[in-house]
Amino acid sequence: QVQLVESGGGVVQAGGSLRLSCAASLSFFSINAMAWYRQAPGKQRDLVARISSGGTTSYADSVKGRFTISRDNAKKSVYLEMSHLNVEDTAVYYCNVPAALGGRYSWGQGTQVTVSS
């Protein structure tokens, strides 16, 4: 089965930066779009960034201009560089292959990002 392993989370001060990594054990990683999602306590999981197999990116309005998604097909990894973080960015961050109703595969454990004021 597909495994999704997120890492790189931690505690950061408001205005700071953080880089998240996701390792995906997909047999055909390079032909799939990948996305980052986040879920804050008591809220639904939201799509925050997406990157196509060809490298085209898109972002949620709340993170546009601050977050950058990228991928390394040789390493079967996807990354999320986050800058100018604020407390509203506090959440558990997950990666997955995007699908119409959410992630295509079972969710991994995610990585916690906590932004302190």
N, C-alpha and C. Protein backbone atom coordinates (compact mmCIF):
# COMPACT_ATOMS: atom_id res chain seq x y z
N GLN A 1 0.83 -1.18 0.00
CA GLN A 1 0.00 0.00 0.00
C GLN A 1 0.87 1.25 0.00
N VAL A 2 0.27 2.36 -0.39
CA VAL A 2 0.99 3.62 -0.47
C VAL A 2 1.23 4.17 0.93
N GLN A 3 2.45 4.64 1.15
CA GLN A 3 2.80 5.26 2.41
C GLN A 3 3.15 6.73 2.18
N LEU A 4 2.63 7.58 3.03
CA LEU A 4 2.89 9.01 2.97
C LEU A 4 3.48 9.42 4.30
N VAL A 5 4.69 9.93 4.27
CA VAL A 5 5.40 10.28 5.50
C VAL A 5 5.81 11.74 5.47
N GLU A 6 5.19 12.54 6.32
CA GLU A 6 5.48 13.97 6.41
C GLU A 6 6.50 14.23 7.52
N SER A 7 7.29 15.26 7.33
CA SER A 7 8.28 15.64 8.33
C SER A 7 8.62 17.13 8.19
N GLY A 8 9.33 17.64 9.17
CA GLY A 8 9.79 19.01 9.11
C GLY A 8 9.01 20.01 9.94
N GLY A 9 7.93 19.57 10.56
CA GLY A 9 7.14 20.47 11.38
C GLY A 9 7.85 20.83 12.67
N GLY A 10 7.27 21.78 13.38
CA GLY A 10 7.85 22.21 14.63
C GLY A 10 7.21 23.50 15.10
N VAL A 11 7.84 24.12 16.07
CA VAL A 11 7.36 25.38 16.62
C VAL A 11 8.19 26.52 16.05
N VAL A 12 7.52 27.53 15.55
CA VAL A 12 8.21 28.68 14.96
C VAL A 12 7.50 29.96 15.37
N GLN A 13 8.24 31.04 15.51
CA GLN A 13 7.65 32.32 15.86
C GLN A 13 6.96 32.95 14.65
N ALA A 14 5.94 33.74 14.93
CA ALA A 14 5.24 34.44 13.87
C ALA A 14 6.23 35.25 13.04
N GLY A 15 6.06 35.18 11.72
CA GLY A 15 6.97 35.86 10.83
C GLY A 15 8.11 34.99 10.36
N GLY A 16 8.25 33.83 10.97
CA GLY A 16 9.34 32.92 10.62
C GLY A 16 9.03 32.03 9.44
N SER A 17 9.95 31.12 9.16
CA SER A 17 9.83 30.22 8.02
C SER A 17 10.04 28.78 8.43
N LEU A 18 9.53 27.87 7.61
CA LEU A 18 9.65 26.45 7.88
C LEU A 18 9.54 25.70 6.55
N ARG A 19 10.23 24.58 6.45
CA ARG A 19 10.19 23.75 5.24
C ARG A 19 9.71 22.36 5.60
N LEU A 20 8.63 21.92 4.98
CA LEU A 20 8.08 20.60 5.21
C LEU A 20 8.46 19.66 4.07
N SER A 21 8.59 18.38 4.40
CA SER A 21 8.92 17.37 3.40
C SER A 21 7.91 16.23 3.47
N CYS A 22 7.67 15.60 2.34
CA CYS A 22 6.78 14.46 2.26
C CYS A 22 7.41 13.41 1.36
N ALA A 23 7.58 12.20 1.89
CA ALA A 23 8.08 11.08 1.11
C ALA A 23 6.91 10.19 0.76
N ALA A 24 6.71 9.91 -0.51
CA ALA A 24 5.58 9.12 -0.98
C ALA A 24 6.05 7.87 -1.71
N SER A 25 5.60 6.71 -1.26
CA SER A 25 6.02 5.44 -1.87
C SER A 25 5.14 5.05 -3.05
N LEU A 26 4.90 5.97 -3.95
CA LEU A 26 4.10 5.72 -5.15
C LEU A 26 4.98 5.09 -6.23
N SER A 27 4.46 4.04 -6.86
CA SER A 27 5.22 3.39 -7.93
C SER A 27 5.42 4.32 -9.13
N PHE A 28 4.41 5.14 -9.41
CA PHE A 28 4.48 6.07 -10.53
C PHE A 28 4.31 7.49 -10.02
N PHE A 29 5.19 7.88 -9.12
CA PHE A 29 5.12 9.18 -8.48
C PHE A 29 5.13 10.33 -9.48
N SER A 30 5.99 10.25 -10.47
CA SER A 30 6.20 11.36 -11.40
C SER A 30 4.99 11.75 -12.24
N ILE A 31 4.03 10.85 -12.44
CA ILE A 31 2.88 11.17 -13.27
C ILE A 31 1.68 11.65 -12.45
N ASN A 32 1.83 11.73 -11.16
CA ASN A 32 0.74 12.18 -10.29
C ASN A 32 0.92 13.60 -9.81
N ALA A 33 -0.18 14.31 -9.70
CA ALA A 33 -0.16 15.59 -9.01
C ALA A 33 0.00 15.30 -7.52
N MET A 34 0.55 16.24 -6.78
CA MET A 34 0.69 16.10 -5.34
C MET A 34 0.17 17.37 -4.68
N ALA A 35 -0.26 17.24 -3.45
CA ALA A 35 -0.82 18.38 -2.75
C ALA A 35 -0.51 18.34 -1.27
N TRP A 36 -0.55 19.51 -0.67
CA TRP A 36 -0.45 19.66 0.78
C TRP A 36 -1.80 20.11 1.31
N TYR A 37 -2.18 19.54 2.44
CA TYR A 37 -3.41 19.88 3.14
C TYR A 37 -3.05 20.23 4.58
N ARG A 38 -3.96 20.91 5.25
CA ARG A 38 -3.75 21.17 6.67
C ARG A 38 -5.07 21.10 7.41
N GLN A 39 -4.99 20.75 8.67
CA GLN A 39 -6.17 20.65 9.51
C GLN A 39 -5.88 21.23 10.88
N ALA A 40 -6.61 22.28 11.21
CA ALA A 40 -6.50 22.90 12.52
C ALA A 40 -7.48 22.22 13.47
N PRO A 41 -7.25 22.29 14.78
CA PRO A 41 -8.16 21.66 15.74
C PRO A 41 -9.60 22.13 15.56
N GLY A 42 -10.53 21.17 15.48
CA GLY A 42 -11.93 21.50 15.34
C GLY A 42 -12.37 21.94 13.96
N LYS A 43 -11.47 21.90 12.99
CA LYS A 43 -11.80 22.31 11.63
C LYS A 43 -11.55 21.19 10.64
N GLN A 44 -12.12 21.34 9.45
CA GLN A 44 -11.94 20.35 8.40
C GLN A 44 -10.57 20.50 7.75
N ARG A 45 -10.16 19.44 7.08
CA ARG A 45 -8.90 19.47 6.36
C ARG A 45 -9.06 20.30 5.09
N ASP A 46 -8.15 21.23 4.86
CA ASP A 46 -8.20 22.11 3.71
C ASP A 46 -7.01 21.92 2.79
N LEU A 47 -7.26 22.04 1.50
CA LEU A 47 -6.19 22.01 0.51
C LEU A 47 -5.48 23.35 0.52
N VAL A 48 -4.17 23.35 0.64
CA VAL A 48 -3.42 24.60 0.68
C VAL A 48 -2.52 24.81 -0.52
N ALA A 49 -2.04 23.74 -1.14
CA ALA A 49 -1.15 23.88 -2.29
C ALA A 49 -1.17 22.61 -3.12
N ARG A 50 -1.01 22.78 -4.43
CA ARG A 50 -1.03 21.65 -5.35
C ARG A 50 0.04 21.85 -6.41
N ILE A 51 0.65 20.76 -6.84
CA ILE A 51 1.61 20.81 -7.93
C ILE A 51 1.32 19.67 -8.88
N SER A 52 1.21 19.97 -10.17
CA SER A 52 0.90 18.97 -11.17
C SER A 52 2.13 18.15 -11.52
N SER A 53 1.93 17.10 -12.30
CA SER A 53 3.05 16.28 -12.75
C SER A 53 4.04 17.10 -13.58
N GLY A 54 3.54 18.15 -14.24
CA GLY A 54 4.38 18.99 -15.05
C GLY A 54 4.98 20.18 -14.30
N GLY A 55 4.64 20.32 -13.03
CA GLY A 55 5.21 21.39 -12.23
C GLY A 55 4.36 22.63 -12.07
N THR A 56 3.15 22.63 -12.61
CA THR A 56 2.25 23.77 -12.45
C THR A 56 1.73 23.80 -11.01
N THR A 57 1.77 24.96 -10.39
CA THR A 57 1.36 25.09 -8.99
C THR A 57 0.12 25.94 -8.82
N SER A 58 -0.59 25.70 -7.73
CA SER A 58 -1.73 26.51 -7.35
C SER A 58 -1.81 26.52 -5.84
N TYR A 59 -2.40 27.59 -5.29
CA TYR A 59 -2.44 27.78 -3.85
C TYR A 59 -3.78 28.31 -3.38
N ALA A 60 -4.09 28.00 -2.13
CA ALA A 60 -5.25 28.59 -1.50
C ALA A 60 -4.96 30.08 -1.29
N ASP A 61 -6.00 30.90 -1.36
CA ASP A 61 -5.81 32.34 -1.20
C ASP A 61 -5.12 32.70 0.11
N SER A 62 -5.38 31.93 1.15
CA SER A 62 -4.83 32.23 2.46
C SER A 62 -3.31 32.09 2.55
N VAL A 63 -2.72 31.34 1.63
CA VAL A 63 -1.27 31.11 1.68
C VAL A 63 -0.54 31.63 0.45
N LYS A 64 -1.27 32.10 -0.53
CA LYS A 64 -0.67 32.58 -1.78
C LYS A 64 0.33 33.70 -1.51
N GLY A 65 1.51 33.56 -2.09
CA GLY A 65 2.55 34.56 -1.90
C GLY A 65 3.45 34.26 -0.72
N ARG A 66 3.05 33.35 0.14
CA ARG A 66 3.84 33.01 1.32
C ARG A 66 4.38 31.58 1.28
N PHE A 67 3.64 30.68 0.65
CA PHE A 67 4.03 29.26 0.58
C PHE A 67 4.45 28.91 -0.84
N THR A 68 5.39 27.98 -0.95
CA THR A 68 5.83 27.48 -2.24
C THR A 68 5.91 25.96 -2.20
N ILE A 69 5.21 25.30 -3.12
CA ILE A 69 5.24 23.85 -3.22
C ILE A 69 6.20 23.45 -4.34
N SER A 70 6.95 22.39 -4.13
CA SER A 70 7.88 21.89 -5.13
C SER A 70 7.97 20.38 -5.03
N ARG A 71 8.61 19.75 -6.00
CA ARG A 71 8.74 18.30 -5.97
C ARG A 71 10.08 17.86 -6.53
N ASP A 72 10.51 16.68 -6.10
CA ASP A 72 11.73 16.05 -6.58
C ASP A 72 11.34 14.63 -6.94
N ASN A 73 11.12 14.38 -8.23
CA ASN A 73 10.65 13.08 -8.67
C ASN A 73 11.65 11.95 -8.41
N ALA A 74 12.93 12.25 -8.47
CA ALA A 74 13.95 11.24 -8.22
C ALA A 74 13.87 10.74 -6.79
N LYS A 75 13.49 11.62 -5.87
CA LYS A 75 13.38 11.26 -4.46
C LYS A 75 11.96 10.93 -4.06
N LYS A 76 11.02 11.00 -5.00
CA LYS A 76 9.60 10.77 -4.73
C LYS A 76 9.16 11.60 -3.53
N SER A 77 9.52 12.87 -3.56
CA SER A 77 9.22 13.77 -2.46
C SER A 77 8.57 15.05 -2.94
N VAL A 78 7.78 15.63 -2.05
CA VAL A 78 7.17 16.92 -2.31
C VAL A 78 7.46 17.80 -1.10
N TYR A 79 7.67 19.09 -1.33
CA TYR A 79 8.07 19.99 -0.28
C TYR A 79 7.12 21.19 -0.19
N LEU A 80 7.10 21.80 0.97
CA LEU A 80 6.32 23.01 1.17
C LEU A 80 7.17 24.00 1.95
N GLU A 81 7.59 25.05 1.28
CA GLU A 81 8.35 26.11 1.93
C GLU A 81 7.37 27.18 2.39
N MET A 82 7.39 27.45 3.68
CA MET A 82 6.45 28.39 4.27
C MET A 82 7.21 29.59 4.84
N SER A 83 6.77 30.77 4.49
CA SER A 83 7.38 32.00 4.97
C SER A 83 6.32 32.93 5.54
N HIS A 84 6.77 33.93 6.30
CA HIS A 84 5.86 34.90 6.92
C HIS A 84 4.70 34.19 7.62
N LEU A 85 5.04 33.21 8.40
CA LEU A 85 4.03 32.42 9.10
C LEU A 85 3.30 33.25 10.15
N ASN A 86 2.03 32.94 10.33
CA ASN A 86 1.24 33.58 11.37
C ASN A 86 0.48 32.50 12.13
N VAL A 87 -0.15 32.89 13.23
CA VAL A 87 -0.81 31.92 14.09
C VAL A 87 -1.92 31.15 13.38
N GLU A 88 -2.50 31.73 12.35
CA GLU A 88 -3.56 31.05 11.60
C GLU A 88 -3.03 29.87 10.79
N ASP A 89 -1.72 29.78 10.64
CA ASP A 89 -1.11 28.68 9.92
C ASP A 89 -0.91 27.46 10.81
N THR A 90 -1.17 27.59 12.09
CA THR A 90 -1.02 26.48 13.03
C THR A 90 -1.99 25.36 12.66
N ALA A 91 -1.45 24.17 12.41
CA ALA A 91 -2.26 23.03 11.99
C ALA A 91 -1.37 21.81 11.82
N VAL A 92 -2.00 20.66 11.61
CA VAL A 92 -1.28 19.47 11.21
C VAL A 92 -1.28 19.47 9.69
N TYR A 93 -0.12 19.32 9.08
CA TYR A 93 0.01 19.36 7.64
C TYR A 93 0.19 17.96 7.07
N TYR A 94 -0.55 17.65 6.00
CA TYR A 94 -0.53 16.35 5.36
C TYR A 94 -0.25 16.49 3.86
N CYS A 95 0.31 15.46 3.27
CA CYS A 95 0.46 15.42 1.82
C CYS A 95 -0.35 14.25 1.28
N ASN A 96 -0.72 14.33 0.01
CA ASN A 96 -1.47 13.26 -0.62
C ASN A 96 -1.60 13.56 -2.11
N VAL A 97 -2.05 12.57 -2.87
CA VAL A 97 -2.41 12.77 -4.26
C VAL A 97 -3.81 13.37 -4.23
N PRO A 98 -4.02 14.55 -4.80
CA PRO A 98 -5.33 15.20 -4.72
C PRO A 98 -6.40 14.43 -5.50
N ALA A 99 -7.59 14.40 -4.95
CA ALA A 99 -8.74 13.78 -5.58
C ALA A 99 -9.94 14.69 -5.40
N ALA A 100 -11.04 14.37 -6.07
CA ALA A 100 -12.21 15.23 -6.06
C ALA A 100 -12.73 15.52 -4.65
N LEU A 101 -12.73 14.52 -3.80
CA LEU A 101 -13.27 14.68 -2.45
C LEU A 101 -12.19 14.69 -1.37
N GLY A 102 -10.96 14.88 -1.77
CA GLY A 102 -9.86 14.91 -0.81
C GLY A 102 -8.68 14.12 -1.32
N GLY A 103 -7.92 13.56 -0.42
CA GLY A 103 -6.77 12.78 -0.79
C GLY A 103 -7.15 11.41 -1.33
N ARG A 104 -6.38 10.93 -2.29
CA ARG A 104 -6.68 9.65 -2.91
C ARG A 104 -6.34 8.47 -2.00
N TYR A 105 -5.27 8.59 -1.24
CA TYR A 105 -4.80 7.49 -0.41
C TYR A 105 -5.04 7.76 1.07
N SER A 106 -4.83 6.72 1.86
CA SER A 106 -4.98 6.87 3.30
C SER A 106 -4.01 7.93 3.81
N TRP A 107 -4.50 8.77 4.71
CA TRP A 107 -3.70 9.84 5.25
C TRP A 107 -2.58 9.33 6.13
N GLY A 108 -1.44 10.00 6.05
CA GLY A 108 -0.34 9.68 6.93
C GLY A 108 -0.56 10.32 8.28
N GLN A 109 0.48 10.35 9.10
CA GLN A 109 0.35 10.93 10.43
C GLN A 109 0.38 12.46 10.41
N GLY A 110 0.90 13.03 9.34
CA GLY A 110 1.01 14.47 9.25
C GLY A 110 2.16 14.99 10.10
N THR A 111 2.42 16.28 9.97
CA THR A 111 3.45 16.90 10.79
C THR A 111 2.90 18.19 11.37
N GLN A 112 3.08 18.37 12.66
CA GLN A 112 2.50 19.50 13.37
C GLN A 112 3.32 20.77 13.17
N VAL A 113 2.63 21.83 12.80
CA VAL A 113 3.24 23.15 12.69
C VAL A 113 2.55 24.06 13.69
N THR A 114 3.31 24.62 14.60
CA THR A 114 2.77 25.52 15.60
C THR A 114 3.47 26.87 15.48
N VAL A 115 2.69 27.91 15.25
CA VAL A 115 3.23 29.25 15.12
C VAL A 115 2.88 30.05 16.36
N SER A 116 3.88 30.53 17.06
CA SER A 116 3.67 31.28 18.29
C SER A 116 3.71 32.78 18.02
N SER A 117 2.89 33.52 18.74
CA SER A 117 2.84 34.96 18.57
C SER A 117 3.88 35.67 19.41
